[in-house]
Amino acid sequence: MRERAIQRLQQLRAELELGQKQMGLLEARRDQLQATLLRITGAIQVLEELLAAQPEVHAVAAPEEPDRAPDPVLLSGSR
């Protein structure tokens, strides 16, 4: 009975150590992700402020030309 308890204690200590290492890795990853989200939020804020400071410009599209075959005189190079 004592041997089984000692063996189980060793297993539990090993699992605890592994769990603590995993927790450390997850916390580091969480910190990295939080820093990334903070940078993204900052970039969004800067772009929103830049856009708010500039008047909105509407581009005017060139009128579309109807589909037609090219002029054969212009293609041959003779006039």
PDB file of N, CA and C in Angstrom:
ATOM      1  N   MET A   1       0.816  -1.196   0.000  1.00  0.00           N
ATOM      2  CA  MET A   1       0.000   0.000   0.000  1.00  0.00           C
ATOM      3  C   MET A   1       0.863   1.265   0.000  1.00  0.00           C
ATOM      4  N   ARG A   2       1.891   1.270   0.814  1.00  0.00           N
ATOM      5  CA  ARG A   2       2.772   2.436   0.900  1.00  0.00           C
ATOM      6  C   ARG A   2       3.457   2.694  -0.449  1.00  0.00           C
ATOM      7  N   GLU A   3       3.902   1.639  -1.112  1.00  0.00           N
ATOM      8  CA  GLU A   3       4.563   1.786  -2.417  1.00  0.00           C
ATOM      9  C   GLU A   3       3.628   2.421  -3.443  1.00  0.00           C
ATOM     10  N   ARG A   4       2.383   2.004  -3.442  1.00  0.00           N
ATOM     11  CA  ARG A   4       1.412   2.573  -4.390  1.00  0.00           C
ATOM     12  C   ARG A   4       1.194   4.053  -4.109  1.00  0.00           C
ATOM     13  N   ALA A   5       1.134   4.429  -2.839  1.00  0.00           N
ATOM     14  CA  ALA A   5       0.935   5.832  -2.480  1.00  0.00           C
ATOM     15  C   ALA A   5       2.139   6.670  -2.898  1.00  0.00           C
ATOM     16  N   ILE A   6       3.334   6.147  -2.705  1.00  0.00           N
ATOM     17  CA  ILE A   6       4.552   6.864  -3.105  1.00  0.00           C
ATOM     18  C   ILE A   6       4.598   7.008  -4.623  1.00  0.00           C
ATOM     19  N   GLN A   7       4.260   5.950  -5.329  1.00  0.00           N
ATOM     20  CA  GLN A   7       4.254   5.990  -6.792  1.00  0.00           C
ATOM     21  C   GLN A   7       3.224   7.006  -7.297  1.00  0.00           C
ATOM     22  N   ARG A   8       2.058   6.998  -6.684  1.00  0.00           N
ATOM     23  CA  ARG A   8       1.010   7.947  -7.096  1.00  0.00           C
ATOM     24  C   ARG A   8       1.433   9.377  -6.794  1.00  0.00           C
ATOM     25  N   LEU A   9       2.098   9.593  -5.672  1.00  0.00           N
ATOM     26  CA  LEU A   9       2.592  10.919  -5.311  1.00  0.00           C
ATOM     27  C   LEU A   9       3.591  11.412  -6.354  1.00  0.00           C
ATOM     28  N   GLN A  10       4.470  10.557  -6.813  1.00  0.00           N
ATOM     29  CA  GLN A  10       5.437  10.922  -7.852  1.00  0.00           C
ATOM     30  C   GLN A  10       4.727  11.281  -9.160  1.00  0.00           C
ATOM     31  N   GLN A  11       3.718  10.505  -9.512  1.00  0.00           N
ATOM     32  CA  GLN A  11       2.952  10.797 -10.729  1.00  0.00           C
ATOM     33  C   GLN A  11       2.273  12.160 -10.630  1.00  0.00           C
ATOM     34  N   LEU A  12       1.666  12.418  -9.493  1.00  0.00           N
ATOM     35  CA  LEU A  12       0.960  13.688  -9.313  1.00  0.00           C
ATOM     36  C   LEU A  12       1.921  14.872  -9.344  1.00  0.00           C
ATOM     37  N   ARG A  13       3.091  14.710  -8.740  1.00  0.00           N
ATOM     38  CA  ARG A  13       4.091  15.793  -8.774  1.00  0.00           C
ATOM     39  C   ARG A  13       4.562  16.054 -10.209  1.00  0.00           C
ATOM     40  N   ALA A  14       4.741  14.992 -10.977  1.00  0.00           N
ATOM     41  CA  ALA A  14       5.148  15.145 -12.380  1.00  0.00           C
ATOM     42  C   ALA A  14       4.052  15.847 -13.180  1.00  0.00           C
ATOM     43  N   GLU A  15       2.796  15.465 -12.941  1.00  0.00           N
ATOM     44  CA  GLU A  15       1.678  16.118 -13.622  1.00  0.00           C
ATOM     45  C   GLU A  15       1.572  17.588 -13.226  1.00  0.00           C
ATOM     46  N   LEU A  16       1.811  17.878 -11.952  1.00  0.00           N
ATOM     47  CA  LEU A  16       1.772  19.261 -11.480  1.00  0.00           C
ATOM     48  C   LEU A  16       2.846  20.095 -12.168  1.00  0.00           C
ATOM     49  N   GLU A  17       4.044  19.553 -12.261  1.00  0.00           N
ATOM     50  CA  GLU A  17       5.137  20.269 -12.914  1.00  0.00           C
ATOM     51  C   GLU A  17       4.818  20.525 -14.388  1.00  0.00           C
ATOM     52  N   LEU A  18       4.305  19.514 -15.048  1.00  0.00           N
ATOM     53  CA  LEU A  18       3.929  19.666 -16.454  1.00  0.00           C
ATOM     54  C   LEU A  18       2.831  20.716 -16.609  1.00  0.00           C
ATOM     55  N   GLY A  19       1.847  20.668 -15.735  1.00  0.00           N
ATOM     56  CA  GLY A  19       0.760  21.645 -15.784  1.00  0.00           C
ATOM     57  C   GLY A  19       1.248  23.064 -15.548  1.00  0.00           C
ATOM     58  N   GLN A  20       2.196  23.227 -14.629  1.00  0.00           N
ATOM     59  CA  GLN A  20       2.739  24.556 -14.357  1.00  0.00           C
ATOM     60  C   GLN A  20       3.518  25.088 -15.557  1.00  0.00           C
ATOM     61  N   LYS A  21       4.261  24.220 -16.227  1.00  0.00           N
ATOM     62  CA  LYS A  21       4.986  24.636 -17.433  1.00  0.00           C
ATOM     63  C   LYS A  21       4.005  25.061 -18.524  1.00  0.00           C
ATOM     64  N   GLN A  22       2.966  24.264 -18.696  1.00  0.00           N
ATOM     65  CA  GLN A  22       1.954  24.588 -19.712  1.00  0.00           C
ATOM     66  C   GLN A  22       1.277  25.921 -19.385  1.00  0.00           C
ATOM     67  N   MET A  23       0.973  26.135 -18.101  1.00  0.00           N
ATOM     68  CA  MET A  23       0.342  27.384 -17.692  1.00  0.00           C
ATOM     69  C   MET A  23       1.253  28.571 -17.993  1.00  0.00           C
ATOM     70  N   GLY A  24       2.531  28.416 -17.748  1.00  0.00           N
ATOM     71  CA  GLY A  24       3.481  29.480 -18.061  1.00  0.00           C
ATOM     72  C   GLY A  24       3.507  29.803 -19.545  1.00  0.00           C
ATOM     73  N   LEU A  25       3.490  28.756 -20.375  1.00  0.00           N
ATOM     74  CA  LEU A  25       3.473  28.965 -21.825  1.00  0.00           C
ATOM     75  C   LEU A  25       2.190  29.663 -22.269  1.00  0.00           C
ATOM     76  N   LEU A  26       1.074  29.249 -21.695  1.00  0.00           N
ATOM     77  CA  LEU A  26      -0.204  29.873 -22.051  1.00  0.00           C
ATOM     78  C   LEU A  26      -0.259  31.335 -21.612  1.00  0.00           C
ATOM     79  N   GLU A  27       0.284  31.628 -20.439  1.00  0.00           N
ATOM     80  CA  GLU A  27       0.295  33.015 -19.968  1.00  0.00           C
ATOM     81  C   GLU A  27       1.177  33.882 -20.861  1.00  0.00           C
ATOM     82  N   ALA A  28       2.316  33.340 -21.300  1.00  0.00           N
ATOM     83  CA  ALA A  28       3.189  34.084 -22.209  1.00  0.00           C
ATOM     84  C   ALA A  28       2.483  34.330 -23.534  1.00  0.00           C
ATOM     85  N   ARG A  29       1.803  33.329 -24.042  1.00  0.00           N
ATOM     86  CA  ARG A  29       1.059  33.479 -25.302  1.00  0.00           C
ATOM     87  C   ARG A  29      -0.053  34.506 -25.154  1.00  0.00           C
ATOM     88  N   ARG A  30      -0.739  34.473 -23.999  1.00  0.00           N
ATOM     89  CA  ARG A  30      -1.806  35.442 -23.736  1.00  0.00           C
ATOM     90  C   ARG A  30      -1.243  36.864 -23.726  1.00  0.00           C
ATOM     91  N   ASP A  31      -0.076  37.043 -23.102  1.00  0.00           N
ATOM     92  CA  ASP A  31       0.549  38.363 -23.063  1.00  0.00           C
ATOM     93  C   ASP A  31       0.914  38.840 -24.467  1.00  0.00           C
ATOM     94  N   GLN A  32       1.438  37.932 -25.289  1.00  0.00           N
ATOM     95  CA  GLN A  32       1.781  38.287 -26.672  1.00  0.00           C
ATOM     96  C   GLN A  32       0.533  38.679 -27.456  1.00  0.00           C
ATOM     97  N   LEU A  33      -0.519  37.913 -27.286  1.00  0.00           N
ATOM     98  CA  LEU A  33      -1.766  38.195 -27.990  1.00  0.00           C
ATOM     99  C   LEU A  33      -2.363  39.516 -27.531  1.00  0.00           C
ATOM    100  N   GLN A  34      -2.278  39.784 -26.239  1.00  0.00           N
ATOM    101  CA  GLN A  34      -2.803  41.042 -25.712  1.00  0.00           C
ATOM    102  C   GLN A  34      -2.023  42.226 -26.292  1.00  0.00           C
ATOM    103  N   ALA A  35      -0.700  42.096 -26.406  1.00  0.00           N
ATOM    104  CA  ALA A  35       0.112  43.159 -26.997  1.00  0.00           C
ATOM    105  C   ALA A  35      -0.243  43.354 -28.470  1.00  0.00           C
ATOM    106  N   THR A  36      -0.472  42.271 -29.187  1.00  0.00           N
ATOM    107  CA  THR A  36      -0.861  42.361 -30.598  1.00  0.00           C
ATOM    108  C   THR A  36      -2.199  43.074 -30.743  1.00  0.00           C
ATOM    109  N   LEU A  37      -3.157  42.721 -29.906  1.00  0.00           N
ATOM    110  CA  LEU A  37      -4.473  43.368 -29.963  1.00  0.00           C
ATOM    111  C   LEU A  37      -4.366  44.853 -29.631  1.00  0.00           C
ATOM    112  N   LEU A  38      -3.489  45.197 -28.710  1.00  0.00           N
ATOM    113  CA  LEU A  38      -3.289  46.604 -28.362  1.00  0.00           C
ATOM    114  C   LEU A  38      -2.711  47.380 -29.547  1.00  0.00           C
ATOM    115  N   ARG A  39      -1.750  46.774 -30.256  1.00  0.00           N
ATOM    116  CA  ARG A  39      -1.185  47.429 -31.447  1.00  0.00           C
ATOM    117  C   ARG A  39      -2.242  47.603 -32.533  1.00  0.00           C
ATOM    118  N   ILE A  40      -3.060  46.581 -32.739  1.00  0.00           N
ATOM    119  CA  ILE A  40      -4.117  46.664 -33.752  1.00  0.00           C
ATOM    120  C   ILE A  40      -5.114  47.754 -33.384  1.00  0.00           C
ATOM    121  N   THR A  41      -5.497  47.810 -32.120  1.00  0.00           N
ATOM    122  CA  THR A  41      -6.430  48.843 -31.663  1.00  0.00           C
ATOM    123  C   THR A  41      -5.845  50.230 -31.889  1.00  0.00           C
ATOM    124  N   GLY A  42      -4.563  50.389 -31.599  1.00  0.00           N
ATOM    125  CA  GLY A  42      -3.905  51.675 -31.825  1.00  0.00           C
ATOM    126  C   GLY A  42      -3.880  52.051 -33.295  1.00  0.00           C
ATOM    127  N   ALA A  43      -3.593  51.085 -34.150  1.00  0.00           N
ATOM    128  CA  ALA A  43      -3.562  51.351 -35.589  1.00  0.00           C
ATOM    129  C   ALA A  43      -4.943  51.740 -36.098  1.00  0.00           C
ATOM    130  N   ILE A  44      -5.974  51.075 -35.604  1.00  0.00           N
ATOM    131  CA  ILE A  44      -7.345  51.417 -35.991  1.00  0.00           C
ATOM    132  C   ILE A  44      -7.665  52.843 -35.572  1.00  0.00           C
ATOM    133  N   GLN A  45      -7.283  53.197 -34.364  1.00  0.00           N
ATOM    134  CA  GLN A  45      -7.569  54.543 -33.863  1.00  0.00           C
ATOM    135  C   GLN A  45      -6.860  55.601 -34.707  1.00  0.00           C
ATOM    136  N   VAL A  46      -5.598  55.364 -35.042  1.00  0.00           N
ATOM    137  CA  VAL A  46      -4.851  56.319 -35.865  1.00  0.00           C
ATOM    138  C   VAL A  46      -5.516  56.486 -37.224  1.00  0.00           C
ATOM    139  N   LEU A  47      -5.881  55.385 -37.867  1.00  0.00           N
ATOM    140  CA  LEU A  47      -6.515  55.471 -39.182  1.00  0.00           C
ATOM    141  C   LEU A  47      -7.872  56.168 -39.113  1.00  0.00           C
ATOM    142  N   GLU A  48      -8.639  55.889 -38.069  1.00  0.00           N
ATOM    143  CA  GLU A  48      -9.929  56.566 -37.921  1.00  0.00           C
ATOM    144  C   GLU A  48      -9.743  58.066 -37.731  1.00  0.00           C
ATOM    145  N   GLU A  49      -8.727  58.455 -36.958  1.00  0.00           N
ATOM    146  CA  GLU A  49      -8.469  59.883 -36.763  1.00  0.00           C
ATOM    147  C   GLU A  49      -8.007  60.545 -38.053  1.00  0.00           C
ATOM    148  N   LEU A  50      -7.163  59.854 -38.815  1.00  0.00           N
ATOM    149  CA  LEU A  50      -6.716  60.404 -40.098  1.00  0.00           C
ATOM    150  C   LEU A  50      -7.888  60.577 -41.057  1.00  0.00           C
ATOM    151  N   LEU A  51      -8.743  59.579 -41.115  1.00  0.00           N
ATOM    152  CA  LEU A  51      -9.897  59.664 -42.005  1.00  0.00           C
ATOM    153  C   LEU A  51     -10.865  60.753 -41.560  1.00  0.00           C
ATOM    154  N   ALA A  52     -11.033  60.927 -40.274  1.00  0.00           N
ATOM    155  CA  ALA A  52     -11.950  61.949 -39.766  1.00  0.00           C
ATOM    156  C   ALA A  52     -11.424  63.352 -40.047  1.00  0.00           C
ATOM    157  N   ALA A  53     -10.106  63.511 -40.122  1.00  0.00           N
ATOM    158  CA  ALA A  53      -9.510  64.824 -40.345  1.00  0.00           C
ATOM    159  C   ALA A  53      -9.512  65.226 -41.813  1.00  0.00           C
ATOM    160  N   GLN A  54      -9.738  64.287 -42.708  1.00  0.00           N
ATOM    161  CA  GLN A  54      -9.719  64.579 -44.140  1.00  0.00           C
ATOM    162  C   GLN A  54     -11.138  64.596 -44.678  1.00  0.00           C
ATOM    163  N   PRO A  55     -11.420  65.565 -45.560  1.00  0.00           N
ATOM    164  CA  PRO A  55     -12.749  65.562 -46.176  1.00  0.00           C
ATOM    165  C   PRO A  55     -12.878  64.351 -47.095  1.00  0.00           C
ATOM    166  N   GLU A  56     -14.083  63.857 -47.182  1.00  0.00           N
ATOM    167  CA  GLU A  56     -14.334  62.697 -48.034  1.00  0.00           C
ATOM    168  C   GLU A  56     -14.294  63.136 -49.491  1.00  0.00           C
ATOM    169  N   VAL A  57     -13.537  62.427 -50.298  1.00  0.00           N
ATOM    170  CA  VAL A  57     -13.396  62.744 -51.719  1.00  0.00           C
ATOM    171  C   VAL A  57     -14.072  61.632 -52.506  1.00  0.00           C
ATOM    172  N   HIS A  58     -14.957  62.025 -53.387  1.00  0.00           N
ATOM    173  CA  HIS A  58     -15.636  61.050 -54.235  1.00  0.00           C
ATOM    174  C   HIS A  58     -14.965  61.061 -55.597  1.00  0.00           C
ATOM    175  N   ALA A  59     -14.487  59.940 -56.015  1.00  0.00           N
ATOM    176  CA  ALA A  59     -13.868  59.836 -57.328  1.00  0.00           C
ATOM    177  C   ALA A  59     -14.965  59.793 -58.380  1.00  0.00           C
ATOM    178  N   VAL A  60     -14.738  60.538 -59.448  1.00  0.00           N
ATOM    179  CA  VAL A  60     -15.700  60.546 -60.544  1.00  0.00           C
ATOM    180  C   VAL A  60     -15.196  59.570 -61.594  1.00  0.00           C
ATOM    181  N   ALA A  61     -15.989  58.596 -61.899  1.00  0.00           N
ATOM    182  CA  ALA A  61     -15.601  57.586 -62.883  1.00  0.00           C
ATOM    183  C   ALA A  61     -15.741  58.162 -64.287  1.00  0.00           C
ATOM    184  N   ALA A  62     -14.820  57.780 -65.146  1.00  0.00           N
ATOM    185  CA  ALA A  62     -14.894  58.210 -66.541  1.00  0.00           C
ATOM    186  C   ALA A  62     -16.093  57.533 -67.188  1.00  0.00           C
ATOM    187  N   PRO A  63     -16.767  58.239 -68.086  1.00  0.00           N
ATOM    188  CA  PRO A  63     -17.922  57.620 -68.744  1.00  0.00           C
ATOM    189  C   PRO A  63     -17.468  56.415 -69.554  1.00  0.00           C
ATOM    190  N   GLU A  64     -18.278  55.402 -69.514  1.00  0.00           N
ATOM    191  CA  GLU A  64     -17.944  54.187 -70.247  1.00  0.00           C
ATOM    192  C   GLU A  64     -18.242  54.373 -71.725  1.00  0.00           C
ATOM    193  N   GLU A  65     -17.322  53.868 -72.551  1.00  0.00           N
ATOM    194  CA  GLU A  65     -17.551  53.916 -73.992  1.00  0.00           C
ATOM    195  C   GLU A  65     -18.263  52.636 -74.392  1.00  0.00           C
ATOM    196  N   PRO A  66     -19.171  52.733 -75.352  1.00  0.00           N
ATOM    197  CA  PRO A  66     -19.855  51.515 -75.799  1.00  0.00           C
ATOM    198  C   PRO A  66     -18.859  50.567 -76.448  1.00  0.00           C
ATOM    199  N   ASP A  67     -19.144  49.295 -76.341  1.00  0.00           N
ATOM    200  CA  ASP A  67     -18.282  48.300 -76.977  1.00  0.00           C
ATOM    201  C   ASP A  67     -18.413  48.434 -78.489  1.00  0.00           C
ATOM    202  N   ARG A  68     -17.273  48.615 -79.144  1.00  0.00           N
ATOM    203  CA  ARG A  68     -17.287  48.686 -80.600  1.00  0.00           C
ATOM    204  C   ARG A  68     -15.965  48.163 -81.117  1.00  0.00           C
ATOM    205  N   ALA A  69     -15.973  47.747 -82.335  1.00  0.00           N
ATOM    206  CA  ALA A  69     -14.762  47.218 -82.960  1.00  0.00           C
ATOM    207  C   ALA A  69     -13.813  48.370 -83.248  1.00  0.00           C
ATOM    208  N   PRO A  70     -12.507  48.131 -83.174  1.00  0.00           N
ATOM    209  CA  PRO A  70     -11.549  49.197 -83.488  1.00  0.00           C
ATOM    210  C   PRO A  70     -11.633  49.599 -84.957  1.00  0.00           C
ATOM    211  N   ASP A  71     -11.306  50.838 -85.204  1.00  0.00           N
ATOM    212  CA  ASP A  71     -11.333  51.382 -86.560  1.00  0.00           C
ATOM    213  C   ASP A  71     -10.226  50.710 -87.374  1.00  0.00           C
ATOM    214  N   PRO A  72     -10.568  50.024 -88.493  1.00  0.00           N
ATOM    215  CA  PRO A  72      -9.553  49.310 -89.276  1.00  0.00           C
ATOM    216  C   PRO A  72      -8.509  50.245 -89.863  1.00  0.00           C
ATOM    217  N   VAL A  73      -8.861  51.464 -90.152  1.00  0.00           N
ATOM    218  CA  VAL A  73      -7.899  52.405 -90.729  1.00  0.00           C
ATOM    219  C   VAL A  73      -6.811  52.695 -89.708  1.00  0.00           C
ATOM    220  N   LEU A  74      -7.191  52.848 -88.452  1.00  0.00           N
ATOM    221  CA  LEU A  74      -6.203  53.137 -87.422  1.00  0.00           C
ATOM    222  C   LEU A  74      -5.320  51.921 -87.141  1.00  0.00           C
ATOM    223  N   LEU A  75      -5.861  50.731 -87.306  1.00  0.00           N
ATOM    224  CA  LEU A  75      -5.080  49.532 -87.044  1.00  0.00           C
ATOM    225  C   LEU A  75      -4.014  49.309 -88.105  1.00  0.00           C
ATOM    226  N   SER A  76      -4.314  49.619 -89.370  1.00  0.00           N
ATOM    227  CA  SER A  76      -3.364  49.340 -90.450  1.00  0.00           C
ATOM    228  C   SER A  76      -2.265  50.386 -90.517  1.00  0.00           C
ATOM    229  N   GLY A  77      -2.470  51.516 -89.884  1.00  0.00           N
ATOM    230  CA  GLY A  77      -1.459  52.550 -89.908  1.00  0.00           C
ATOM    231  C   GLY A  77      -1.534  53.438 -91.134  1.00  0.00           C
ATOM    232  N   SER A  78      -2.393  53.173 -92.107  1.00  0.00           N
ATOM    233  CA  SER A  78      -2.519  54.018 -93.297  1.00  0.00           C
ATOM    234  C   SER A  78      -3.614  55.033 -93.085  1.00  0.00           C
ATOM    235  N   ARG A  79      -3.448  56.189 -93.700  1.00  0.00           N
ATOM    236  CA  ARG A  79      -4.448  57.246 -93.547  1.00  0.00           C
ATOM    237  C   ARG A  79      -4.921  57.730 -94.869  1.00  0.00           C
TER     238      ARG A  79
END
